[in-house]
Protein backbone atom coordinates (compact mmCIF):
# COMPACT_ATOMS: atom_id res chain seq x y z
CA TYR A 1 17.05 6.21 17.74
CA MET A 2 13.96 5.06 19.63
CA THR A 3 13.69 2.43 22.34
CA GLU A 4 11.02 -0.24 21.90
CA GLU A 5 7.61 0.30 23.44
CA LYS A 6 7.32 -2.06 26.41
CA LEU A 7 4.94 -2.97 29.19
CA ASN A 8 4.48 -5.44 31.97
CA ILE A 9 1.36 -7.18 33.23
CA GLN A 10 -0.19 -8.64 36.33
CA TYR A 11 -1.72 -12.06 35.89
CA ILE A 12 -3.37 -14.97 37.69
CA GLU A 13 -3.29 -18.47 36.29
CA LEU A 14 -5.13 -21.75 36.75
CA LYS A 15 -3.55 -25.11 35.97
CA GLN A 16 -5.39 -28.41 36.01
CA ALA A 17 -2.31 -30.05 37.47
CA ASP A 18 -2.65 -27.91 40.62
CA PHE A 19 -6.07 -29.45 41.30
CA ALA A 20 -4.70 -32.93 40.70
CA ASP A 21 -2.23 -32.61 43.58
CA ASN A 22 -5.08 -32.56 46.11
CA ILE A 23 -7.06 -35.55 44.76
CA ASP A 24 -6.86 -39.04 46.23
CA VAL A 25 -7.17 -42.20 44.13
CA SER A 26 -7.67 -45.76 45.35
CA GLU A 27 -5.54 -48.80 44.62
CA SER A 28 -8.51 -50.47 42.92
CA GLU A 29 -8.84 -47.52 40.54
CA ILE A 30 -5.14 -47.75 39.70
CA GLU A 31 -5.41 -51.49 39.06
CA GLN A 32 -8.47 -51.01 36.85
CA LEU A 33 -6.71 -48.41 34.70
CA TYR A 34 -3.66 -50.68 34.45
CA HIS A 35 -5.75 -53.59 33.15
CA GLN A 36 -7.44 -51.28 30.65
CA GLU A 37 -4.06 -50.22 29.29
CA VAL A 38 -2.86 -53.82 29.12
CA GLU A 39 -5.96 -54.76 27.12
CA THR A 40 -5.48 -51.82 24.75
CA LEU A 41 -1.81 -52.67 24.26
CA SER A 42 -2.61 -56.30 23.50
CA LYS A 43 -4.67 -55.16 20.51
CA GLN A 44 -1.69 -53.29 19.06
CA GLN A 45 0.11 -56.44 17.97
CA GLU A 46 2.16 -56.55 14.81
CA ARG A 47 2.21 -59.47 12.40
CA ARG A 48 5.01 -60.46 10.05
CA ALA A 49 3.61 -61.84 6.82
CA ALA A 50 5.04 -63.52 3.76
CA HIS A 51 3.04 -63.96 0.59
CA ILE A 52 3.05 -65.25 -2.93
CA LEU A 53 1.31 -62.92 -5.36
CA ILE A 54 0.08 -64.00 -8.77
CA SER A 55 -0.83 -60.75 -10.48
CA THR A 56 -3.77 -60.25 -12.85
CA GLU A 57 -2.09 -57.29 -14.57
CA GLU A 58 -0.27 -59.28 -17.26
CA ARG A 59 -2.47 -62.40 -17.41
CA SER A 60 -6.15 -63.12 -17.32
CA ARG A 61 -7.96 -63.73 -14.05
CA ASP A 62 -8.53 -67.36 -14.99
CA GLU A 63 -4.83 -67.89 -15.77
CA ALA A 64 -3.85 -66.28 -12.51
CA LYS A 65 -6.35 -68.35 -10.54
CA ALA A 66 -5.09 -71.56 -12.15
CA LEU A 67 -1.46 -70.72 -11.31
CA ILE A 68 -2.14 -69.82 -7.69
CA THR A 69 -4.18 -73.02 -7.30
CA GLU A 70 -1.25 -75.02 -8.62
CA LEU A 71 1.09 -73.33 -6.14
CA GLN A 72 -1.34 -74.00 -3.32
CA ALA A 73 -1.30 -77.70 -4.20
CA LYS A 74 2.51 -77.72 -4.13
CA LEU A 75 2.52 -76.15 -0.68
CA LYS A 76 0.06 -78.73 0.60
CA ALA A 77 2.33 -81.41 -0.83
CA GLY A 78 5.16 -80.08 1.32
CA GLU A 79 7.14 -77.84 -1.05
CA ASP A 80 9.01 -74.89 0.47
CA PHE A 81 7.10 -71.60 0.69
CA VAL A 82 10.22 -69.44 0.39
CA ALA A 83 11.43 -71.24 -2.73
CA LEU A 84 8.01 -71.03 -4.39
CA ALA A 85 7.75 -67.32 -3.57
CA LYS A 86 11.18 -66.60 -5.02
CA ALA A 87 10.39 -68.50 -8.21
CA ASN A 88 6.80 -67.42 -8.78
CA SER A 89 5.69 -64.33 -6.86
CA ASP A 90 4.92 -61.24 -8.94
CA ASP A 91 5.61 -58.94 -5.98
CA THR A 92 9.09 -57.80 -6.95
CA GLY A 93 9.53 -56.02 -3.63
CA SER A 94 9.29 -59.21 -1.57
CA ALA A 95 9.90 -62.14 -3.93
CA ASP A 96 13.69 -62.12 -3.46
CA ASP A 97 13.12 -62.37 0.31
CA GLY A 98 10.85 -65.37 -0.04
CA GLY A 99 7.74 -63.19 0.05
CA ASP A 100 8.62 -61.60 3.39
CA LEU A 101 6.65 -58.37 3.99
CA GLY A 102 8.02 -57.58 7.44
CA PHE A 103 5.97 -56.56 10.48
CA ALA A 104 2.78 -54.52 10.11
CA GLU A 105 -0.12 -53.45 12.34
CA LYS A 106 -3.72 -54.24 11.54
CA GLY A 107 -4.99 -52.03 8.74
CA ALA A 108 -1.68 -51.78 6.90
CA PHE A 109 -2.83 -53.93 3.97
CA VAL A 110 -5.90 -53.90 1.74
CA PRO A 111 -8.97 -55.23 3.62
CA ALA A 112 -9.17 -58.78 2.22
CA PHE A 113 -5.45 -59.38 2.76
CA ASP A 114 -5.53 -57.77 6.20
CA GLU A 115 -8.53 -59.76 7.38
CA MET A 116 -6.97 -63.03 6.32
CA LEU A 117 -3.58 -62.22 7.85
CA PHE A 118 -5.10 -61.45 11.26
CA SER A 119 -7.09 -64.67 11.26
CA LEU A 120 -4.05 -66.94 10.89
CA ASN A 121 -1.99 -68.69 13.52
CA GLU A 122 1.82 -68.51 13.42
CA GLY A 123 3.18 -70.68 10.61
CA GLN A 124 -0.24 -71.17 9.02
CA ILE A 125 -0.74 -70.64 5.27
CA SER A 126 -3.98 -69.07 4.14
CA ASP A 127 -6.49 -70.14 1.55
CA ILE A 128 -6.32 -68.22 -1.73
CA VAL A 129 -7.10 -64.53 -1.22
CA GLU A 130 -8.14 -62.26 -4.07
CA THR A 131 -7.41 -58.52 -3.98
CA GLU A 132 -7.16 -55.74 -6.53
CA PHE A 133 -3.57 -56.86 -7.18
CA GLY A 134 -4.36 -60.49 -7.98
CA PHE A 135 -4.32 -63.72 -5.97
CA HIS A 136 -2.31 -64.30 -2.79
CA LEU A 137 -1.21 -67.11 -0.57
CA ILE A 138 -0.26 -65.69 2.83
CA ARG A 139 1.84 -67.22 5.59
CA LEU A 140 1.91 -65.73 9.08
CA GLU A 141 5.57 -65.80 10.10
CA GLU A 142 5.49 -64.21 13.55
CA VAL A 143 3.29 -62.26 15.97
CA ARG A 144 4.79 -59.45 18.04
CA THR A 145 2.87 -57.86 20.93
CA PRO A 146 4.22 -54.80 22.78
CA SER A 147 5.32 -55.59 26.32
CA MET A 148 3.66 -53.77 29.22
CA PRO A 149 5.63 -52.75 32.33
CA THR A 150 4.43 -54.22 35.62
CA LEU A 151 1.78 -52.57 37.78
CA GLU A 152 4.46 -51.67 40.30
CA GLU A 153 6.54 -49.93 37.64
CA GLU A 154 3.54 -48.01 36.32
CA HIS A 155 1.87 -47.30 39.68
CA ASP A 156 2.90 -43.67 40.14
CA ARG A 157 2.21 -42.70 36.54
CA LEU A 158 -1.24 -44.29 36.62
CA ALA A 159 -2.09 -42.61 39.91
CA GLN A 160 -1.11 -39.22 38.50
CA GLU A 161 -3.13 -39.89 35.33
CA LEU A 162 -6.22 -40.66 37.42
CA ARG A 163 -5.74 -37.53 39.53
CA PHE A 164 -5.40 -35.44 36.41
CA ARG A 165 -8.60 -36.88 34.91
CA LYS A 166 -10.57 -36.25 38.09
CA ALA A 167 -9.17 -32.72 38.31
CA GLU A 168 -10.63 -31.78 34.93
CA GLU A 169 -14.15 -31.16 36.26
CA GLN A 170 -12.86 -29.00 39.10
CA PHE A 171 -10.57 -27.11 36.75
CA VAL A 172 -13.36 -26.36 34.25
CA ALA A 173 -15.66 -25.07 37.02
CA ALA A 174 -12.91 -22.92 38.51
CA ALA A 175 -12.00 -21.48 35.10
CA GLU A 176 -15.63 -20.49 34.49
CA GLU A 177 -15.81 -18.84 37.91
CA LEU A 178 -12.54 -17.02 37.26
CA GLN A 179 -13.89 -15.69 33.95
CA ASN A 180 -17.04 -14.34 35.64
CA ASP A 181 -15.17 -12.80 38.57
CA SER A 182 -12.59 -11.13 36.33
CA PHE A 183 -15.26 -9.64 34.07
CA SER A 184 -17.01 -7.85 36.92
CA ALA A 185 -13.94 -6.87 38.98
CA GLY A 186 -12.00 -3.63 38.79
CA ASP A 187 -8.67 -5.40 39.16
CA LEU A 188 -7.34 -8.90 39.86
CA THR A 189 -7.55 -8.76 43.66
CA GLU A 190 -11.04 -10.22 44.12
CA PRO A 191 -10.73 -12.95 41.43
CA ALA A 192 -7.41 -14.03 42.95
CA GLN A 193 -8.84 -14.14 46.50
CA ASN A 194 -11.91 -16.12 45.39
CA GLN A 195 -9.72 -18.80 43.82
CA GLY A 196 -6.92 -18.72 46.37
CA LEU A 197 -4.48 -17.61 43.67
CA THR A 198 -1.44 -15.35 43.74
CA ILE A 199 -1.23 -12.24 41.57
CA GLN A 200 2.03 -12.42 39.63
CA THR A 201 3.88 -9.72 37.73
CA SER A 202 5.78 -10.26 34.49
CA GLU A 203 9.02 -8.70 33.32
CA PHE A 204 8.74 -5.85 30.81
CA PHE A 205 8.28 -7.07 27.23
CA SER A 206 7.75 -5.69 23.73
CA ARG A 207 5.16 -6.53 21.12
CA GLU A 208 7.61 -8.92 19.48
CA GLN A 209 9.47 -10.55 22.34
CA GLY A 210 9.10 -11.47 25.99
CA THR A 211 10.14 -13.95 28.63
CA GLY A 212 8.16 -16.14 31.00
CA ILE A 213 4.45 -15.90 30.35
CA ALA A 214 5.12 -13.10 27.83
CA ASN A 215 6.97 -15.56 25.63
CA ASN A 216 3.48 -16.52 24.39
CA ASP A 217 2.35 -14.60 21.27
CA LYS A 218 -1.27 -14.56 22.42
CA ILE A 219 -0.35 -12.96 25.75
CA ARG A 220 1.67 -10.21 24.08
CA ARG A 221 -1.07 -9.46 21.53
CA ILE A 222 -3.79 -9.15 24.16
CA ALA A 223 -1.54 -7.19 26.55
CA PHE A 224 -0.99 -4.48 23.92
CA SER A 225 -4.67 -4.36 22.90
CA ASP A 226 -6.79 -1.23 23.38
CA GLU A 227 -9.06 -3.10 25.78
CA LEU A 228 -6.23 -3.47 28.28
CA GLN A 229 -4.22 -0.33 27.46
CA THR A 230 -6.96 2.26 26.91
CA ASP A 231 -9.93 0.79 28.79
CA ALA A 232 -7.80 -0.63 31.63
CA ASN A 233 -9.89 -3.81 31.81
CA ASN A 234 -9.02 -7.29 32.92
CA SER A 235 -8.64 -9.61 29.96
CA ASP A 236 -11.06 -12.39 29.15
CA LEU A 237 -9.96 -15.86 30.15
CA ILE A 238 -6.96 -16.74 27.95
CA GLU A 239 -6.49 -20.41 27.14
CA LEU A 240 -2.80 -21.24 26.83
CA SER A 241 -3.56 -24.97 26.60
CA ARG A 242 -6.38 -27.34 27.46
CA ASP A 243 -5.25 -27.40 31.07
CA HIS A 244 -3.80 -23.93 31.58
CA VAL A 245 -5.68 -20.59 31.57
CA VAL A 246 -4.79 -17.06 32.67
CA VAL A 247 -6.34 -13.64 33.15
CA ILE A 248 -4.04 -10.65 32.65
CA ARG A 249 -4.14 -6.94 33.35
CA ALA A 250 -1.81 -4.16 32.15
CA LYS A 251 0.37 -2.78 34.93
CA GLU A 252 2.95 -0.31 33.61
CA HIS A 253 3.56 1.03 30.10
CA GLN A 254 6.88 2.36 28.80
CA PRO A 255 6.34 4.33 25.54
CA ALA A 256 8.90 4.17 22.79
């Protein structure tokens, strides 16, 4: 029997979050971001629609138009929308519920239907709308807008978000500097000193399995590469995520 080939590595890592911890943000910046999020959330409203569909699949367009016009006149005369939908709508999925289509965000329906629905006020019935399915009369039943927590409740999260955004530029510059330093250095000492970073050492791991940083497939693949094992070089900058990069170097090898 043979033991698995294993090795361990030294590594230095940069995280955008570490830069964010040292960045200050003002109360006005936090308030501005809060109002931006409130405005964005207000556009994510859902609308509950009900409709009466007179299809053009089994009747001519003229016949369908005449029928929907007749139903429109009945609604204007005060007849009940739900009853008319149950008796006349060709949309079998909603007719039994009085035409109720439930809540939907903007863009959920075909353009002509969608545009009309989002122009109505609650309780208002539309003019006749023609789509590829036939003719519709639409009633806006209810508008539902997501609720936004208060500024006080969101304060810490917003402050951290702003710090993280501001840290991106510093992180990108530091990552580029780390790449250049590591390429020209004989080990990780100088790159670590230039960035104020600590050289860390992993546990031993195999090609197939590792813990900590070696749990990442990319780290294991590069660690066992000829460039690190035979040439004894520092690795290129390895991107583990958009905001987390490392440089590694082989330390000790245990043959099978």
